[in-house]
Amino acid sequence: MSRKQITGIGPAPRTGADDSGCPILHVDMDAFFASVELLERPELRGRPVIVGSPAGRGVVLSATYEARAHGVHSAMPMSRARRLCPQAVIIPPSHGKYSEVSKGVMEVFHAITPLVEPIASDEAFLDVGGARRRLGPPAAIAAMIKEQVLERYGITCSVGVAASKFVAKLASKQCKPDGLLVVPADEVVAFLHPLPVSALWGVGERTEQSLVRLGIRTVGDLARVPPGTLQRELGQAVGGHLAALAWGRDERPVTAHVPDKSIGNEETFAADVDDPDVIRRELLRLSERVAARMRKGGHVGRTVSVKLRRADFTTITRSRTLREPTDVAQVIYATACELYQAAGLERVRLRLVGVRMENLRPAEEATRQLSLGERETGWREAEQAMDKAIRRFGPDAVVPASLVRGKLDEIET
């Protein structure tokens, strides 16, 4: 079966692909951050553009397809991206703009169906089975989404239409950029089996190497291996999972309003740092960001985790579960500092640090019981007041004094 037989692009499927058993859509924005930046820089269209730190050592956040043609991709170290595509225009990220467009795009999805499961700021699954009577067949709904996103926000997206989330996501990837691919329910196996085995969810680099050693290179190769053999080689869970996916079996429904499992921020330093004072200031900055995000989302969390990456890229994580859940930056920061000290890296050069809160729950479900004689610290109220000031006057309106001193020290040196 050729791709032409299963694809339809535009206002309606041109090839008459049967979408009657395909209520699941996977919608993925094309080079999302870069596309948003080009809205204000139309003169850069058609040129290789990378969104990331121009001077720092972070990673590529987004790249246009012209840059991708040179081997650049998201999450690649910026240093390597610059070597692969030295002619690329590098644009620093503007996360506020991306959040605003993402919110608008999700509103387009929610106008179609309440069954929207975002999996990132630029992609989501939709179950449009209940919208057929009102809006037409799934492929027509997918075309309408593409048209509305382009008309309202000036960016393109690719849509996979299938009977399951797994196949819909593969379909959207296959038709990028700006495509619409329908995989009929009775042609899933013909679509899947020619694909490389790395296309399956759960097949990372190590699993792929294990499969290649067994002579398994395509999904079709995998499908012909008895499930028991896969389970012996890869383990019960992974082997069974891949055996099912190889035949297109994925029973997971689209789940709306998936709660955040964790909230975190991390920072890659411009140069390796071995000064504990600088590290602690960064832990404070990150703790402030994480706590603000938690309060904005109505979350509290119990487990504080720190990520410490050495200059040789060795990454160490440490975590601690608190007695009570919190959304207070000072509590998160104090715990992060204790974890940093306990890791024994206070004089070791670090490339990256991160702070993350896990074991989240809705803030309204959390109550705190003061011990006898214990006094309220007032930190939560103070940080809530900071939130209000920042919303009104901008992100630099109120910052901890130690961060101001740290910035002045950097200027003086």
Protein backbone atom coordinates (compact mmCIF):
# COMPACT_ATOMS: atom_id res chain seq x y z
CA MET A 1 0.00 0.00 0.00
CA SER A 2 1.47 3.37 -0.97
CA ARG A 3 1.20 6.48 1.13
CA LYS A 4 -0.93 8.03 -1.61
CA GLN A 5 -3.58 5.43 -0.95
CA ILE A 6 -3.97 6.36 2.70
CA THR A 7 -3.49 10.09 2.69
CA GLY A 8 -5.77 13.01 2.10
CA ILE A 9 -4.53 16.62 2.24
CA GLY A 10 -6.63 19.77 2.08
CA PRO A 11 -10.27 20.61 2.79
CA ALA A 12 -11.33 16.99 2.15
CA PRO A 13 -9.51 13.70 1.60
CA ARG A 14 -8.63 13.71 -2.10
CA THR A 15 -8.18 9.95 -2.30
CA GLY A 16 -11.37 8.93 -0.51
CA ALA A 17 -9.49 7.24 2.34
CA ASP A 18 -11.94 5.51 4.67
CA ASP A 19 -11.89 7.41 7.98
CA SER A 20 -15.09 5.89 9.35
CA GLY A 21 -13.23 3.93 12.04
CA CYS A 22 -10.76 6.70 12.84
CA PRO A 23 -12.05 8.98 15.63
CA ILE A 24 -8.58 9.85 17.01
CA LEU A 25 -6.61 12.87 15.80
CA HIS A 26 -3.05 13.80 16.70
CA VAL A 27 -2.42 17.46 15.92
CA ASP A 28 1.19 18.66 15.99
CA MET A 29 2.36 22.19 15.22
CA ASP A 30 5.16 22.37 12.65
CA ALA A 31 8.44 23.71 14.14
CA PHE A 32 6.25 25.52 16.67
CA PHE A 33 8.62 27.95 18.41
CA ALA A 34 10.41 28.80 15.17
CA SER A 35 7.10 29.29 13.33
CA VAL A 36 5.89 31.72 16.01
CA GLU A 37 9.15 33.69 15.77
CA LEU A 38 8.83 33.94 11.97
CA LEU A 39 5.47 35.66 12.35
CA GLU A 40 7.44 38.75 13.45
CA ARG A 41 10.36 38.05 11.09
CA PRO A 42 8.80 37.15 7.74
CA GLU A 43 12.05 38.04 5.96
CA LEU A 44 13.57 34.88 7.46
CA ARG A 45 11.09 32.52 5.81
CA GLY A 46 12.87 29.95 3.69
CA ARG A 47 16.11 30.31 5.67
CA PRO A 48 17.51 27.98 8.34
CA VAL A 49 16.41 29.32 11.74
CA ILE A 50 17.16 27.89 15.17
CA VAL A 51 15.47 28.90 18.43
CA GLY A 52 17.93 28.61 21.30
CA SER A 53 20.60 30.50 23.20
CA PRO A 54 22.93 32.33 20.76
CA ALA A 55 25.90 32.25 23.13
CA GLY A 56 24.95 29.70 25.78
CA ARG A 57 25.41 25.95 25.88
CA GLY A 58 21.79 24.93 26.06
CA VAL A 59 19.89 22.85 23.53
CA VAL A 60 17.91 23.55 20.38
CA LEU A 61 14.31 24.35 21.31
CA SER A 62 13.03 24.47 17.74
CA ALA A 63 14.37 24.56 14.19
CA THR A 64 12.83 25.32 10.83
CA TYR A 65 12.77 22.56 8.24
CA GLU A 66 15.53 24.37 6.34
CA ALA A 67 17.76 23.91 9.41
CA ARG A 68 16.58 20.33 9.88
CA ALA A 69 17.80 19.56 6.37
CA HIS A 70 21.31 20.08 7.77
CA GLY A 71 20.73 17.57 10.58
CA VAL A 72 19.61 20.02 13.28
CA HIS A 73 16.82 18.83 15.56
CA SER A 74 15.18 19.70 18.88
CA ALA A 75 17.10 18.85 22.07
CA MET A 76 20.41 18.84 20.19
CA PRO A 77 23.23 20.77 21.95
CA MET A 78 23.47 24.26 20.47
CA SER A 79 27.21 23.84 19.96
CA ARG A 80 26.60 20.91 17.61
CA ALA A 81 23.74 22.67 15.84
CA ARG A 82 26.00 25.64 15.09
CA ARG A 83 28.62 23.29 13.62
CA LEU A 84 26.08 21.49 11.45
CA CYS A 85 24.44 24.68 10.19
CA PRO A 86 26.75 27.68 10.71
CA GLN A 87 24.63 29.82 8.39
CA ALA A 88 21.53 29.45 10.57
CA VAL A 89 19.91 32.49 12.16
CA ILE A 90 19.70 31.90 15.91
CA ILE A 91 16.82 33.51 17.80
CA PRO A 92 16.63 33.59 21.62
CA PRO A 93 13.40 32.02 22.91
CA SER A 94 10.39 34.13 23.91
CA HIS A 95 8.34 31.71 26.02
CA GLY A 96 5.55 34.18 26.69
CA LYS A 97 4.69 34.35 23.00
CA TYR A 98 4.66 30.57 22.66
CA SER A 99 2.37 30.17 25.67
CA GLU A 100 -0.08 32.69 24.26
CA VAL A 101 -0.27 30.97 20.87
CA SER A 102 -0.44 27.54 22.50
CA LYS A 103 -3.40 28.65 24.61
CA GLY A 104 -5.19 29.88 21.50
CA VAL A 105 -4.54 26.69 19.57
CA MET A 106 -5.87 24.58 22.45
CA GLU A 107 -9.01 26.73 22.43
CA VAL A 108 -9.49 25.78 18.77
CA PHE A 109 -9.29 22.12 19.78
CA HIS A 110 -11.73 22.52 22.68
CA ALA A 111 -14.25 24.19 20.35
CA ILE A 112 -14.25 20.90 18.39
CA THR A 113 -14.50 18.43 21.28
CA PRO A 114 -14.10 18.34 25.06
CA LEU A 115 -11.92 15.24 24.68
CA VAL A 116 -8.58 17.00 24.23
CA GLU A 117 -5.41 15.53 25.75
CA PRO A 118 -2.47 17.96 25.46
CA ILE A 119 0.90 16.22 25.57
CA ALA A 120 3.00 19.34 25.02
CA SER A 121 2.46 23.02 24.33
CA ASP A 122 2.37 22.30 20.59
CA GLU A 123 0.56 18.96 20.26
CA ALA A 124 -2.52 17.14 21.48
CA PHE A 125 -4.74 14.13 20.92
CA LEU A 126 -8.42 14.70 20.14
CA ASP A 127 -11.28 12.20 20.12
CA VAL A 128 -13.74 13.60 17.57
CA GLY A 129 -16.12 10.65 17.57
CA GLY A 130 -18.84 12.72 19.23
CA ALA A 131 -18.41 15.65 16.82
CA ARG A 132 -19.18 13.78 13.61
CA ARG A 133 -22.86 14.62 13.42
CA ARG A 134 -22.13 18.32 13.96
CA LEU A 135 -18.91 18.77 11.96
CA GLY A 136 -18.59 15.83 9.59
CA PRO A 137 -16.14 12.92 9.28
CA PRO A 138 -12.78 12.95 11.10
CA ALA A 139 -10.68 13.87 8.04
CA ALA A 140 -12.91 16.88 7.36
CA ILE A 141 -12.59 17.94 11.01
CA ALA A 142 -8.81 17.59 10.74
CA ALA A 143 -8.77 19.79 7.64
CA MET A 144 -10.91 22.37 9.44
CA ILE A 145 -8.49 22.44 12.38
CA LYS A 146 -5.56 23.03 10.02
CA GLU A 147 -7.44 25.84 8.31
CA GLN A 148 -8.44 27.56 11.57
CA VAL A 149 -4.96 27.34 13.09
CA LEU A 150 -3.44 28.85 9.95
CA GLU A 151 -6.09 31.55 9.65
CA ARG A 152 -6.02 32.62 13.31
CA TYR A 153 -2.37 32.19 14.20
CA GLY A 154 -0.47 32.10 10.91
CA ILE A 155 1.25 28.75 11.59
CA THR A 156 0.81 25.31 10.11
CA CYS A 157 0.20 21.96 11.76
CA SER A 158 0.19 18.33 10.72
CA VAL A 159 -2.65 15.97 11.63
CA GLY A 160 -2.74 12.19 11.84
CA VAL A 161 -6.16 10.53 11.73
CA ALA A 162 -6.44 6.93 12.91
CA ALA A 163 -8.24 4.43 15.12
CA SER A 164 -5.74 4.75 17.99
CA LYS A 165 -3.48 7.31 19.62
CA PHE A 166 -0.33 5.42 18.70
CA VAL A 167 -1.10 5.23 14.98
CA ALA A 168 -2.44 8.81 14.86
CA LYS A 169 0.83 10.13 16.29
CA LEU A 170 2.88 8.13 13.81
CA ALA A 171 0.67 9.42 11.00
CA SER A 172 1.17 13.09 11.93
CA LYS A 173 4.94 12.55 11.99
CA GLN A 174 4.88 10.85 8.60
CA CYS A 175 3.09 13.74 6.90
CA LYS A 176 5.11 16.67 8.25
CA PRO A 177 5.17 19.50 7.51
CA ASP A 178 1.66 20.83 6.89
CA GLY A 179 0.14 17.44 6.10
CA LEU A 180 -2.98 15.44 6.82
CA LEU A 181 -2.66 11.67 6.85
CA VAL A 182 -5.54 9.21 7.31
CA VAL A 183 -4.68 5.61 8.19
CA PRO A 184 -7.86 3.53 7.69
CA ALA A 185 -8.58 1.08 10.47
CA ASP A 186 -8.27 -1.94 8.17
CA GLU A 187 -4.92 -0.79 6.75
CA VAL A 188 -3.03 -0.18 10.00
CA VAL A 189 -0.82 -3.26 9.65
CA ALA A 190 0.17 -2.31 6.08
CA PHE A 191 1.06 1.18 7.34
CA LEU A 192 3.06 0.01 10.35
CA HIS A 193 5.08 -2.96 9.15
CA PRO A 194 7.45 -1.18 6.71
CA LEU A 195 8.43 1.38 9.39
CA PRO A 196 11.71 1.09 11.31
CA VAL A 197 11.31 -0.54 14.70
CA SER A 198 12.50 2.71 16.33
CA ALA A 199 9.12 4.23 15.37
CA LEU A 200 7.41 2.27 18.16
CA TRP A 201 6.77 3.95 21.49
CA GLY A 202 9.13 2.52 24.06
CA VAL A 203 11.94 1.74 21.63
CA GLY A 204 14.84 3.91 22.68
CA GLU A 205 18.44 3.59 21.59
CA ARG A 206 19.28 0.68 23.89
CA THR A 207 16.11 -1.29 23.07
CA GLU A 208 16.69 -0.71 19.37
CA GLN A 209 20.23 -2.10 19.69
CA SER A 210 18.87 -5.18 21.46
CA LEU A 211 16.31 -5.72 18.70
CA VAL A 212 18.85 -5.23 15.91
CA ARG A 213 21.05 -7.90 17.51
CA LEU A 214 18.05 -10.23 17.11
CA GLY A 215 17.76 -9.30 13.44
CA ILE A 216 14.69 -7.10 14.04
CA ARG A 217 14.89 -3.87 12.05
CA THR A 218 11.31 -3.11 11.00
CA VAL A 219 7.97 -3.23 12.77
CA GLY A 220 7.08 -6.11 10.47
CA ASP A 221 10.13 -8.04 11.66
CA LEU A 222 9.01 -7.48 15.24
CA ALA A 223 5.46 -8.57 14.53
CA ARG A 224 6.71 -11.96 13.30
CA VAL A 225 8.56 -12.69 16.56
CA PRO A 226 6.49 -14.70 19.10
CA PRO A 227 5.47 -12.47 22.06
CA GLY A 228 7.04 -14.95 24.48
CA THR A 229 10.43 -14.52 22.80
CA LEU A 230 10.19 -10.73 23.06
CA GLN A 231 9.25 -10.97 26.72
CA ARG A 232 12.22 -13.22 27.46
CA GLU A 233 14.61 -10.86 25.67
CA LEU A 234 13.17 -7.49 26.77
CA GLY A 235 11.17 -8.28 29.89
CA GLN A 236 7.50 -9.06 30.43
CA ALA A 237 6.20 -5.47 30.28
CA VAL A 238 8.31 -4.12 27.40
CA GLY A 239 8.05 -7.28 25.32
CA GLY A 240 4.28 -7.48 25.67
CA HIS A 241 3.90 -3.74 24.99
CA LEU A 242 5.91 -3.87 21.75
CA ALA A 243 4.22 -7.05 20.56
CA ALA A 244 0.84 -5.30 20.82
CA LEU A 245 2.01 -2.10 19.11
CA ALA A 246 3.52 -4.05 16.22
CA TRP A 247 -0.03 -5.07 15.29
CA GLY A 248 -1.49 -1.61 15.96
CA ARG A 249 -3.15 -2.55 19.24
CA ASP A 250 -3.42 0.48 21.52
CA GLU A 251 -6.50 0.64 23.73
CA ARG A 252 -5.67 3.88 25.58
CA PRO A 253 -8.48 6.45 25.35
CA VAL A 254 -8.00 10.18 24.89
CA THR A 255 -8.03 11.53 28.44
CA ALA A 256 -8.93 15.18 28.99
CA HIS A 257 -7.33 17.33 31.68
CA VAL A 258 -4.41 15.05 32.48
CA PRO A 259 -2.95 16.41 35.74
CA ASP A 260 0.67 17.51 35.86
CA LYS A 261 2.88 14.76 37.29
CA SER A 262 5.69 17.16 38.08
CA ILE A 263 6.76 20.76 37.60
CA GLY A 264 10.38 21.75 37.17
CA ASN A 265 12.90 24.18 35.72
CA GLU A 266 16.57 23.82 34.93
CA GLU A 267 19.38 26.09 33.77
CA THR A 268 22.54 25.40 31.74
CA PHE A 269 25.35 27.77 32.75
CA ALA A 270 27.26 29.74 30.11
CA ALA A 271 30.46 28.42 31.74
CA ASP A 272 30.96 25.60 34.23
CA VAL A 273 30.46 26.78 37.82
CA ASP A 274 32.11 25.49 41.01
CA ASP A 275 31.18 28.38 43.33
CA PRO A 276 28.59 27.11 45.88
CA ASP A 277 27.19 30.63 46.33
CA VAL A 278 26.45 30.91 42.61
CA ILE A 279 24.90 27.43 42.60
CA ARG A 280 22.67 28.28 45.56
CA ARG A 281 21.54 31.52 43.94
CA GLU A 282 20.53 29.55 40.86
CA LEU A 283 18.70 27.02 43.03
CA LEU A 284 16.81 29.93 44.56
CA ARG A 285 15.94 31.35 41.14
CA LEU A 286 14.70 27.96 39.96
CA SER A 287 12.77 27.33 43.19
CA GLU A 288 11.00 30.68 42.73
CA ARG A 289 10.01 29.75 39.18
CA VAL A 290 8.78 26.28 40.14
CA ALA A 291 6.76 27.59 43.09
CA ALA A 292 5.18 30.32 40.96
CA ARG A 293 4.17 27.77 38.33
CA MET A 294 2.67 25.55 41.01
CA ARG A 295 0.62 28.37 42.51
CA LYS A 296 -0.54 29.45 39.05
CA GLY A 297 -1.68 25.90 38.28
CA GLY A 298 -3.25 25.36 41.69
CA HIS A 299 -0.80 22.61 42.72
CA VAL A 300 1.16 21.68 45.80
CA GLY A 301 3.81 18.97 45.92
CA ARG A 302 5.59 16.78 48.44
CA THR A 303 8.79 15.64 46.72
CA VAL A 304 11.65 18.05 45.96
CA SER A 305 14.19 16.85 43.41
CA VAL A 306 17.45 18.47 42.27
CA LYS A 307 19.35 17.70 39.08
CA LEU A 308 23.10 18.34 39.03
CA ARG A 309 25.09 17.83 35.82
CA ARG A 310 28.87 17.86 36.06
CA ALA A 311 31.21 19.29 33.42
CA ASP A 312 31.79 15.75 32.09
CA PHE A 313 27.99 15.40 31.55
CA THR A 314 27.58 12.97 34.46
CA THR A 315 24.13 13.73 35.86
CA ILE A 316 23.20 13.21 39.51
CA THR A 317 19.67 13.51 40.90
CA ARG A 318 18.66 13.65 44.54
CA SER A 319 15.16 13.89 46.00
CA ARG A 320 13.41 14.18 49.34
CA THR A 321 9.75 13.78 50.26
CA LEU A 322 8.48 16.45 52.64
CA ARG A 323 6.28 15.85 55.64
CA GLU A 324 3.57 18.06 54.09
CA PRO A 325 2.90 19.30 50.55
CA THR A 326 3.94 22.84 49.71
CA ASP A 327 3.99 25.51 47.01
CA VAL A 328 6.33 27.84 48.94
CA ALA A 329 9.59 28.72 47.20
CA GLN A 330 11.51 29.13 50.45
CA VAL A 331 10.64 25.58 51.53
CA ILE A 332 11.57 24.18 48.11
CA TYR A 333 14.81 26.20 48.08
CA ALA A 334 15.90 25.11 51.57
CA THR A 335 15.34 21.47 50.66
CA ALA A 336 17.14 21.87 47.31
CA CYS A 337 20.17 23.37 49.09
CA GLU A 338 20.25 20.46 51.54
CA LEU A 339 20.12 17.99 48.66
CA TYR A 340 22.91 19.87 46.85
CA GLN A 341 25.09 19.78 49.96
CA ALA A 342 24.36 16.10 50.58
CA ALA A 343 25.41 15.25 47.01
CA GLY A 344 28.98 16.28 47.88
CA LEU A 345 29.40 18.50 44.81
CA GLU A 346 29.99 21.85 46.47
CA ARG A 347 33.45 22.25 44.87
CA VAL A 348 32.75 20.31 41.69
CA ARG A 349 32.27 22.19 38.41
CA LEU A 350 28.65 21.98 37.31
CA ARG A 351 27.25 22.51 33.84
CA LEU A 352 23.54 22.44 34.71
CA VAL A 353 21.28 22.54 37.76
CA GLY A 354 17.56 21.88 38.00
CA VAL A 355 14.77 21.88 40.58
CA ARG A 356 11.59 19.81 40.27
CA MET A 357 8.51 19.21 42.43
CA GLU A 358 6.78 15.82 42.22
CA ASN A 359 3.89 14.03 43.93
CA LEU A 360 1.58 16.89 42.99
CA ARG A 361 -2.00 17.30 44.15
CA PRO A 362 -4.60 20.08 43.92
CA ALA A 363 -3.86 22.85 46.40
CA GLU A 364 -7.43 22.87 47.71
CA GLU A 365 -7.03 19.25 48.85
CA ALA A 366 -3.98 20.03 50.99
CA THR A 367 -4.34 21.18 54.57
CA ARG A 368 -1.60 22.02 57.04
CA GLN A 369 -1.81 21.37 60.74
CA LEU A 370 0.47 23.57 62.87
CA SER A 371 2.31 21.87 65.72
CA LEU A 372 1.68 23.12 69.23
CA GLY A 373 3.45 26.46 69.62
CA GLU A 374 4.48 26.62 65.94
CA ARG A 375 4.03 30.00 64.28
CA GLU A 376 3.06 30.71 60.70
CA THR A 377 6.10 31.93 58.72
CA GLY A 378 4.10 34.15 56.37
CA TRP A 379 6.12 33.02 53.35
CA ARG A 380 3.09 31.78 51.44
CA GLU A 381 1.28 35.10 51.85
CA ALA A 382 4.43 37.02 50.88
CA GLU A 383 4.92 34.94 47.75
CA GLN A 384 1.26 35.29 46.78
CA ALA A 385 1.72 39.08 47.06
CA MET A 386 4.77 38.76 44.81
CA ASP A 387 2.67 36.87 42.27
CA LYS A 388 0.20 39.76 42.14
CA ALA A 389 2.95 42.34 41.70
CA ILE A 390 4.58 40.33 38.92
CA ARG A 391 1.28 39.89 37.08
CA ARG A 392 0.76 43.65 37.19
CA PHE A 393 4.26 45.05 36.70
CA GLY A 394 6.23 42.29 34.97
CA PRO A 395 8.63 39.48 35.90
CA ASP A 396 11.34 41.74 37.35
CA ALA A 397 9.00 43.72 39.61
CA VAL A 398 9.86 41.71 42.75
CA VAL A 399 12.84 39.40 43.19
CA PRO A 400 14.64 38.02 46.26
CA ALA A 401 17.36 40.35 47.51
CA SER A 402 20.07 37.71 47.12
CA LEU A 403 19.32 37.43 43.42
CA VAL A 404 19.65 41.21 43.05
CA ARG A 405 23.00 41.10 44.87
CA GLY A 406 24.11 38.22 42.67
CA LYS A 407 23.30 40.17 39.53
CA LEU A 408 25.20 43.22 40.84
CA ASP A 409 28.20 41.01 41.60
CA GLU A 410 28.15 39.69 38.06
CA ILE A 411 28.05 43.24 36.69
CA GLU A 412 30.95 44.33 38.91
CA THR A 413 33.11 41.43 37.81
